[in-house]
Amino acid sequence: MVKSLFDETNLAGIPVKNRLVRSATYEGMADAEGHLTDKLFKLYEDLAKGEVGTIITSLAAVSSREKWIPWQLGIDKDLYIEEYKRLTDMIHSYGSKVIMQLAAVGSQTKAENQPERPMWGPSAIKDIGYGNMPEEISEKEILILEDEFAEAALRAKKAGFDGIQLHAAHGYLISKFLTPYYNLRTDQYGGGIENRSRFLVEIFKKVREKVGAEYPVLIKINSEDFMEGGMTFEECKYVCQKLKSIGLTAVEVSGGSRSSNSGEGYSRTNSRNQSYFFSYAEELQKEYEIPVIAIGGNRDLSKVTELLNQGEIELFSFARPLIRERDLFSRWKSGDTTPARCISCNKCSMFGNNHCIFVNE
């Protein structure tokens, strides 16, 4: 039987109304302390109304001890729980699921932002994409930050989120630990991939202890870093297999960062190059039987439907297309199946928040 993107399915046991996922996308719409604003609440309501089966929030900060991205969501204190309950209740009222993405940003923010706070990296190596020079995070701070991830995950659970996703991709702090170019440590957190992944594995274990064995815990991870001295796909597979053995729910497979070779980052600008991480997702799913979400250049309903029916990947996520068209999936479901209007120009990321230049609001 031919499968449709609008079929009901499940995400590693979580029933979802369709196979369509909104990948975590930075909005820049929270207030200065990381609280929800009316504008951000409306965005999520539009997505839920628009037939997004599973919404993954933008990256939420787990620690007030490091710099944040301006207007980033926060989840570092209990005081956020009640406002997020309002958000999750609203999203659930439309039959959608919602997962909170948890992150430490490391050196990928503005150096002048929150000058009293440190900017951490696994090592003191200048960030190629941002030009920032972080300070090497100490082992003591690593352990505290791991605990903060776990506490943030518990807050998300209390707020009604259907799961959490650890952001281990795109050059943020966990990703930097996985990348040999940026991780020159000589302690237990540096060296081979077993040590470079220790930070992520320890976070995962502490999260599991807090939220329990059944609560969905996903990761977003690079297939490759696409840079000299970057993490390889074989190393990515090692990390995913390790996490699967200790209770990983699902993987969203992306790739690259602002340090990547030109044209090989996660937001590629050639609109003809669609579903560019699918082969990695498919191989990972087949080899390790891990539930995988395929992200990266998904634009054409017929193309994605073809990929759905050729293998075992059950869910596909979208980011930039939903910046231009929050109701994209509703449009497709109603019969207008022309491809997403997003042309992959990346102008949406040029002005501090993700706003499509072709949309007037």
Protein backbone atom coordinates (compact mmCIF):
# COMPACT_ATOMS: atom_id res chain seq x y z
CA MET A 1 0.00 0.00 0.00
CA VAL A 2 1.29 3.46 -0.90
CA LYS A 3 2.14 5.51 2.17
CA SER A 4 1.16 9.16 2.50
CA LEU A 5 2.82 11.92 4.49
CA PHE A 6 -0.61 12.54 6.02
CA ASP A 7 -0.98 9.02 7.43
CA GLU A 8 -1.18 8.64 11.18
CA THR A 9 1.99 7.02 12.47
CA ASN A 10 4.14 6.96 15.58
CA LEU A 11 7.46 8.37 16.62
CA ALA A 12 9.04 5.52 18.56
CA GLY A 13 5.77 4.87 20.34
CA ILE A 14 4.41 8.43 20.36
CA PRO A 15 1.21 8.49 18.25
CA VAL A 16 1.33 11.40 15.79
CA LYS A 17 -1.35 12.53 13.35
CA ASN A 18 0.97 12.61 10.33
CA ARG A 19 4.58 12.19 9.23
CA LEU A 20 5.30 15.93 8.98
CA VAL A 21 7.62 17.58 11.49
CA ARG A 22 8.57 21.19 12.03
CA SER A 23 12.30 21.03 12.73
CA ALA A 24 13.65 23.30 15.46
CA THR A 25 14.03 26.74 13.91
CA TYR A 26 15.35 29.79 15.74
CA GLU A 27 12.68 32.49 15.67
CA GLY A 28 14.25 35.34 17.68
CA MET A 29 10.81 36.14 19.10
CA ALA A 30 11.20 35.45 22.84
CA ASP A 31 11.68 38.38 25.17
CA ALA A 32 15.06 39.37 26.64
CA GLU A 33 14.67 36.85 29.50
CA GLY A 34 13.61 33.97 27.26
CA HIS A 35 9.88 34.13 27.93
CA LEU A 36 7.16 33.46 25.37
CA THR A 37 5.72 36.52 23.65
CA ASP A 38 2.31 36.85 21.99
CA LYS A 39 4.06 36.89 18.62
CA LEU A 40 5.85 33.62 19.33
CA PHE A 41 2.72 32.00 20.74
CA LYS A 42 0.85 32.92 17.55
CA LEU A 43 3.61 31.41 15.41
CA TYR A 44 3.26 28.08 17.19
CA GLU A 45 -0.53 28.27 16.95
CA ASP A 46 -0.28 28.89 13.20
CA LEU A 47 1.97 25.84 12.85
CA ALA A 48 -0.40 23.64 14.85
CA LYS A 49 -3.39 24.90 12.85
CA GLY A 50 -1.40 24.27 9.69
CA GLU A 51 -1.32 20.47 10.02
CA VAL A 52 2.18 20.14 11.49
CA GLY A 53 2.00 16.76 13.19
CA THR A 54 5.02 17.27 15.44
CA ILE A 55 6.50 20.64 16.35
CA ILE A 56 10.04 20.87 17.69
CA THR A 57 10.63 24.20 19.38
CA SER A 58 13.57 26.44 18.72
CA LEU A 59 16.59 25.82 20.92
CA ALA A 60 15.86 26.58 24.57
CA ALA A 61 18.70 27.63 26.87
CA VAL A 62 19.33 25.26 29.78
CA SER A 63 21.80 27.43 31.69
CA SER A 64 21.94 31.05 32.82
CA ARG A 65 25.69 30.66 33.34
CA GLU A 66 26.60 30.99 29.65
CA LYS A 67 25.73 33.50 26.95
CA TRP A 68 22.46 33.04 25.08
CA ILE A 69 21.48 33.91 21.55
CA PRO A 70 19.46 37.16 21.69
CA TRP A 71 15.70 36.54 22.10
CA GLN A 72 16.22 32.82 22.62
CA LEU A 73 13.76 30.70 24.60
CA GLY A 74 14.73 29.84 28.17
CA ILE A 75 14.10 26.72 30.25
CA ASP A 76 16.76 27.22 32.93
CA LYS A 77 14.33 28.05 35.76
CA ASP A 78 11.09 26.61 37.14
CA LEU A 79 9.29 29.90 36.54
CA TYR A 80 9.00 29.03 32.82
CA ILE A 81 6.90 25.92 33.45
CA GLU A 82 3.47 27.54 33.72
CA GLU A 83 3.77 29.61 30.54
CA TYR A 84 4.95 26.56 28.61
CA LYS A 85 1.93 24.62 29.91
CA ARG A 86 -0.23 27.18 28.12
CA LEU A 87 1.78 26.58 24.94
CA THR A 88 1.64 22.79 25.08
CA ASP A 89 -2.08 22.81 25.91
CA MET A 90 -2.74 25.00 22.88
CA ILE A 91 -0.70 22.81 20.53
CA HIS A 92 -2.34 19.64 21.84
CA SER A 93 -5.78 21.19 21.24
CA TYR A 94 -5.04 20.99 17.50
CA GLY A 95 -4.01 17.34 17.73
CA SER A 96 -0.30 18.05 17.28
CA LYS A 97 2.63 16.93 19.42
CA VAL A 98 5.38 19.24 20.65
CA ILE A 99 8.98 18.51 21.61
CA MET A 100 11.30 21.00 23.29
CA GLN A 101 14.84 21.31 21.95
CA LEU A 102 17.46 21.84 24.67
CA ALA A 103 20.80 23.46 23.95
CA ALA A 104 23.93 25.16 25.18
CA VAL A 105 25.06 27.54 22.43
CA GLY A 106 28.78 27.75 23.20
CA SER A 107 30.61 30.15 20.88
CA GLN A 108 27.75 30.55 18.40
CA THR A 109 26.31 33.83 19.62
CA LYS A 110 27.26 37.49 19.73
CA ALA A 111 30.38 38.06 21.82
CA GLU A 112 29.02 41.34 23.17
CA ASN A 113 25.81 39.71 24.35
CA GLN A 114 25.55 39.32 28.15
CA PRO A 115 29.16 40.45 28.77
CA GLU A 116 29.12 39.15 32.34
CA ARG A 117 28.68 35.56 31.15
CA PRO A 118 31.37 33.25 29.72
CA MET A 119 31.43 31.88 26.19
CA TRP A 120 32.43 28.23 26.40
CA GLY A 121 34.05 25.79 24.01
CA PRO A 122 35.57 22.34 24.50
CA SER A 123 38.90 24.09 23.80
CA ALA A 124 39.99 27.68 23.27
CA ILE A 125 39.75 27.48 19.48
CA LYS A 126 38.42 30.41 17.45
CA ASP A 127 35.00 29.75 15.93
CA ILE A 128 35.40 29.79 12.13
CA GLY A 129 31.84 30.83 11.42
CA TYR A 130 31.34 33.44 14.15
CA GLY A 131 34.88 34.66 14.75
CA ASN A 132 34.52 34.24 18.52
CA MET A 133 37.26 32.97 20.82
CA PRO A 134 35.70 30.89 23.61
CA GLU A 135 37.29 29.88 26.87
CA GLU A 136 37.83 26.19 27.53
CA ILE A 137 35.10 24.88 29.79
CA SER A 138 36.44 23.18 32.91
CA GLU A 139 35.52 19.66 33.98
CA LYS A 140 33.71 21.13 36.98
CA GLU A 141 31.60 23.35 34.72
CA ILE A 142 30.92 20.41 32.38
CA LEU A 143 29.39 18.40 35.22
CA ILE A 144 27.25 21.34 36.37
CA LEU A 145 26.05 21.94 32.79
CA GLU A 146 25.13 18.28 32.42
CA ASP A 147 22.97 18.60 35.53
CA GLU A 148 21.37 21.73 34.08
CA PHE A 149 20.40 19.84 30.93
CA ALA A 150 18.74 17.19 33.10
CA GLU A 151 16.85 19.74 35.19
CA ALA A 152 15.70 21.50 32.01
CA ALA A 153 14.41 18.21 30.60
CA LEU A 154 12.39 17.63 33.76
CA ARG A 155 10.90 21.13 33.48
CA ALA A 156 9.89 20.40 29.89
CA LYS A 157 8.19 17.20 31.00
CA LYS A 158 6.33 19.03 33.78
CA ALA A 159 5.23 21.67 31.25
CA GLY A 160 3.52 19.06 29.09
CA PHE A 161 6.00 18.65 26.26
CA ASP A 162 5.73 15.26 24.58
CA GLY A 163 9.50 14.82 24.64
CA ILE A 164 12.79 16.68 24.46
CA GLN A 165 15.50 16.86 21.82
CA LEU A 166 19.16 17.38 22.71
CA HIS A 167 20.77 19.70 20.15
CA ALA A 168 24.04 17.98 19.25
CA ALA A 169 24.29 19.46 15.75
CA HIS A 170 25.21 22.62 13.83
CA GLY A 171 28.23 23.71 15.86
CA TYR A 172 26.57 24.43 19.18
CA LEU A 173 28.41 23.32 22.31
CA ILE A 174 27.64 19.58 22.29
CA SER A 175 28.43 19.51 18.57
CA LYS A 176 31.73 21.29 19.17
CA PHE A 177 32.74 18.54 21.62
CA LEU A 178 32.13 15.96 18.86
CA THR A 179 34.30 17.86 16.35
CA PRO A 180 38.06 17.10 16.42
CA TYR A 181 38.94 20.54 15.01
CA TYR A 182 37.37 22.26 18.01
CA ASN A 183 38.02 19.62 20.67
CA LEU A 184 41.73 19.45 21.49
CA ARG A 185 41.24 18.37 25.08
CA THR A 186 43.61 15.85 26.62
CA ASP A 187 41.30 14.78 29.45
CA GLN A 188 38.43 12.28 29.37
CA TYR A 189 36.37 14.60 27.12
CA GLY A 190 38.87 14.76 24.25
CA GLY A 191 40.69 12.45 21.85
CA GLY A 192 38.82 9.63 20.12
CA ILE A 193 35.10 9.64 19.48
CA GLU A 194 34.39 7.68 22.67
CA ASN A 195 35.84 10.54 24.71
CA ARG A 196 34.54 13.35 22.48
CA SER A 197 31.01 11.98 22.85
CA ARG A 198 31.31 11.58 26.62
CA PHE A 199 29.74 15.00 27.32
CA LEU A 200 26.67 14.08 25.25
CA VAL A 201 26.43 10.57 26.70
CA GLU A 202 26.65 11.87 30.26
CA ILE A 203 23.98 14.48 29.54
CA PHE A 204 21.75 11.77 28.09
CA LYS A 205 22.18 9.50 31.10
CA LYS A 206 21.39 12.31 33.54
CA VAL A 207 18.34 13.32 31.49
CA ARG A 208 17.09 9.73 31.56
CA GLU A 209 17.51 9.61 35.34
CA LYS A 210 15.34 12.72 35.69
CA VAL A 211 12.56 12.01 33.19
CA GLY A 212 12.36 8.23 33.42
CA ALA A 213 12.83 5.39 30.98
CA GLU A 214 9.64 5.95 28.96
CA TYR A 215 9.76 9.69 28.30
CA PRO A 216 10.87 10.44 24.71
CA VAL A 217 14.43 11.76 24.45
CA LEU A 218 15.65 12.54 20.92
CA ILE A 219 18.84 14.01 19.55
CA LYS A 220 19.65 16.17 16.57
CA ILE A 221 23.11 15.35 15.27
CA ASN A 222 25.30 16.07 12.27
CA SER A 223 25.77 13.26 9.79
CA GLU A 224 29.11 14.91 9.06
CA ASP A 225 30.59 18.31 9.87
CA PHE A 226 31.67 18.89 6.24
CA MET A 227 34.89 20.64 7.23
CA GLU A 228 38.55 19.77 7.61
CA GLY A 229 38.94 18.12 10.99
CA GLY A 230 35.22 17.50 11.29
CA MET A 231 33.25 14.60 12.71
CA THR A 232 32.73 11.83 10.16
CA PHE A 233 29.60 9.83 9.41
CA GLU A 234 31.18 6.72 10.93
CA GLU A 235 31.66 8.67 14.15
CA CYS A 236 28.07 9.90 13.97
CA LYS A 237 26.90 6.31 13.70
CA TYR A 238 29.02 5.35 16.71
CA VAL A 239 27.38 8.06 18.80
CA CYS A 240 23.85 7.09 17.73
CA GLN A 241 24.47 3.41 18.42
CA LYS A 242 25.90 4.24 21.84
CA LEU A 243 22.87 6.36 22.73
CA LYS A 244 20.48 3.74 21.39
CA SER A 245 21.98 1.25 23.83
CA ILE A 246 21.05 3.50 26.75
CA GLY A 247 17.55 4.47 25.69
CA LEU A 248 17.57 6.89 22.73
CA THR A 249 14.08 7.44 21.29
CA ALA A 250 14.89 8.84 17.83
CA VAL A 251 17.47 10.76 15.80
CA GLU A 252 17.06 13.77 13.52
CA VAL A 253 20.01 13.62 11.11
CA SER A 254 21.31 16.94 9.83
CA GLY A 255 24.81 18.10 8.94
CA GLY A 256 27.30 20.92 8.97
CA SER A 257 27.52 24.28 10.69
CA ARG A 258 28.71 27.78 9.90
CA SER A 259 32.22 26.32 9.99
CA SER A 260 31.47 23.96 7.09
CA ASN A 261 32.92 24.15 3.62
CA SER A 262 31.09 26.58 1.34
CA GLY A 263 27.76 25.14 0.23
CA GLU A 264 27.93 22.18 2.62
CA GLY A 265 26.28 23.55 5.75
CA TYR A 266 22.85 22.68 7.08
CA SER A 267 20.96 25.45 5.19
CA ARG A 268 22.04 24.92 1.59
CA THR A 269 21.05 27.51 -0.98
CA ASN A 270 20.60 25.41 -4.11
CA SER A 271 16.85 24.83 -4.20
CA ARG A 272 17.33 22.04 -6.77
CA ASN A 273 19.37 20.05 -4.24
CA GLN A 274 16.52 18.57 -2.22
CA SER A 275 16.48 16.12 0.70
CA TYR A 276 20.26 16.30 0.84
CA PHE A 277 20.71 14.41 4.14
CA PHE A 278 18.28 11.62 3.28
CA SER A 279 20.95 9.09 2.29
CA TYR A 280 22.59 9.47 5.69
CA ALA A 281 19.26 9.07 7.48
CA GLU A 282 18.40 5.99 5.45
CA GLU A 283 21.76 4.31 6.09
CA LEU A 284 21.61 5.04 9.80
CA GLN A 285 18.08 3.67 10.09
CA LYS A 286 18.87 0.51 8.12
CA GLU A 287 22.14 -0.26 9.87
CA TYR A 288 21.08 0.37 13.46
CA GLU A 289 17.25 0.23 13.32
CA ILE A 290 17.00 3.59 15.06
CA PRO A 291 13.88 5.69 14.37
CA VAL A 292 15.15 8.53 12.17
CA ILE A 293 13.67 11.86 11.11
CA ALA A 294 14.97 13.10 7.75
CA ILE A 295 15.74 16.84 7.50
CA GLY A 296 17.48 18.97 4.89
CA GLY A 297 16.02 20.56 1.77
CA ASN A 298 12.64 18.84 1.84
CA ARG A 299 10.53 20.99 -0.50
CA ASP A 300 8.50 18.88 -2.93
CA LEU A 301 5.56 16.77 -1.73
CA SER A 302 5.92 14.25 -4.56
CA LYS A 303 9.68 13.89 -3.99
CA VAL A 304 9.32 13.39 -0.24
CA THR A 305 6.43 10.95 -0.77
CA GLU A 306 8.67 8.98 -3.12
CA LEU A 307 11.39 8.82 -0.46
CA LEU A 308 8.83 7.75 2.14
CA ASN A 309 7.76 4.82 -0.02
CA GLN A 310 11.23 3.66 -1.00
CA GLY A 311 12.43 2.84 2.52
CA GLU A 312 11.78 2.79 6.24
CA ILE A 313 12.07 6.49 7.13
CA GLU A 314 8.70 7.39 8.64
CA LEU A 315 9.02 11.11 9.42
CA PHE A 316 10.31 14.12 7.50
CA SER A 317 11.07 17.52 8.97
CA PHE A 318 10.97 20.99 7.46
CA ALA A 319 12.44 24.29 8.63
CA ARG A 320 12.80 27.15 6.12
CA PRO A 321 9.66 26.25 4.11
CA LEU A 322 7.57 26.83 7.24
CA ILE A 323 9.11 30.25 7.74
CA ARG A 324 7.67 31.32 4.39
CA GLU A 325 4.45 29.27 4.64
CA ARG A 326 3.26 28.34 8.10
CA ASP A 327 0.26 26.69 6.43
CA LEU A 328 2.30 24.71 3.88
CA PHE A 329 1.04 21.32 5.02
CA SER A 330 -2.59 22.52 5.07
CA ARG A 331 -2.12 23.71 1.49
CA TRP A 332 -0.78 20.34 0.44
CA LYS A 333 -3.53 18.47 2.27
CA SER A 334 -6.23 20.61 0.63
CA GLY A 335 -5.02 19.60 -2.84
CA ASP A 336 -2.57 22.35 -3.84
CA THR A 337 0.52 20.16 -4.04
CA THR A 338 2.87 22.59 -5.74
CA PRO A 339 6.28 22.60 -4.02
CA ALA A 340 7.05 24.83 -1.06
CA ARG A 341 7.47 28.48 -2.06
CA CYS A 342 10.75 28.68 -0.12
CA ILE A 343 13.60 29.21 -2.62
CA SER A 344 16.38 28.43 -0.10
CA CYS A 345 17.88 31.90 -0.41
CA ASN A 346 18.69 32.06 3.34
CA LYS A 347 17.70 35.72 3.53
CA CYS A 348 15.49 34.69 6.46
CA SER A 349 18.57 34.35 8.67
CA MET A 350 20.21 37.69 7.85
CA PHE A 351 18.42 40.10 10.16
CA GLY A 352 18.56 38.60 13.64
CA ASN A 353 15.31 36.68 13.46
CA ASN A 354 13.95 34.19 10.99
CA HIS A 355 11.57 36.25 8.88
CA CYS A 356 10.98 35.55 5.20
CA ILE A 357 11.63 38.65 3.09
CA PHE A 358 8.79 37.61 0.77
CA VAL A 359 6.18 37.67 3.56
CA ASN A 360 4.62 40.90 4.83
CA GLU A 361 3.46 40.82 8.44
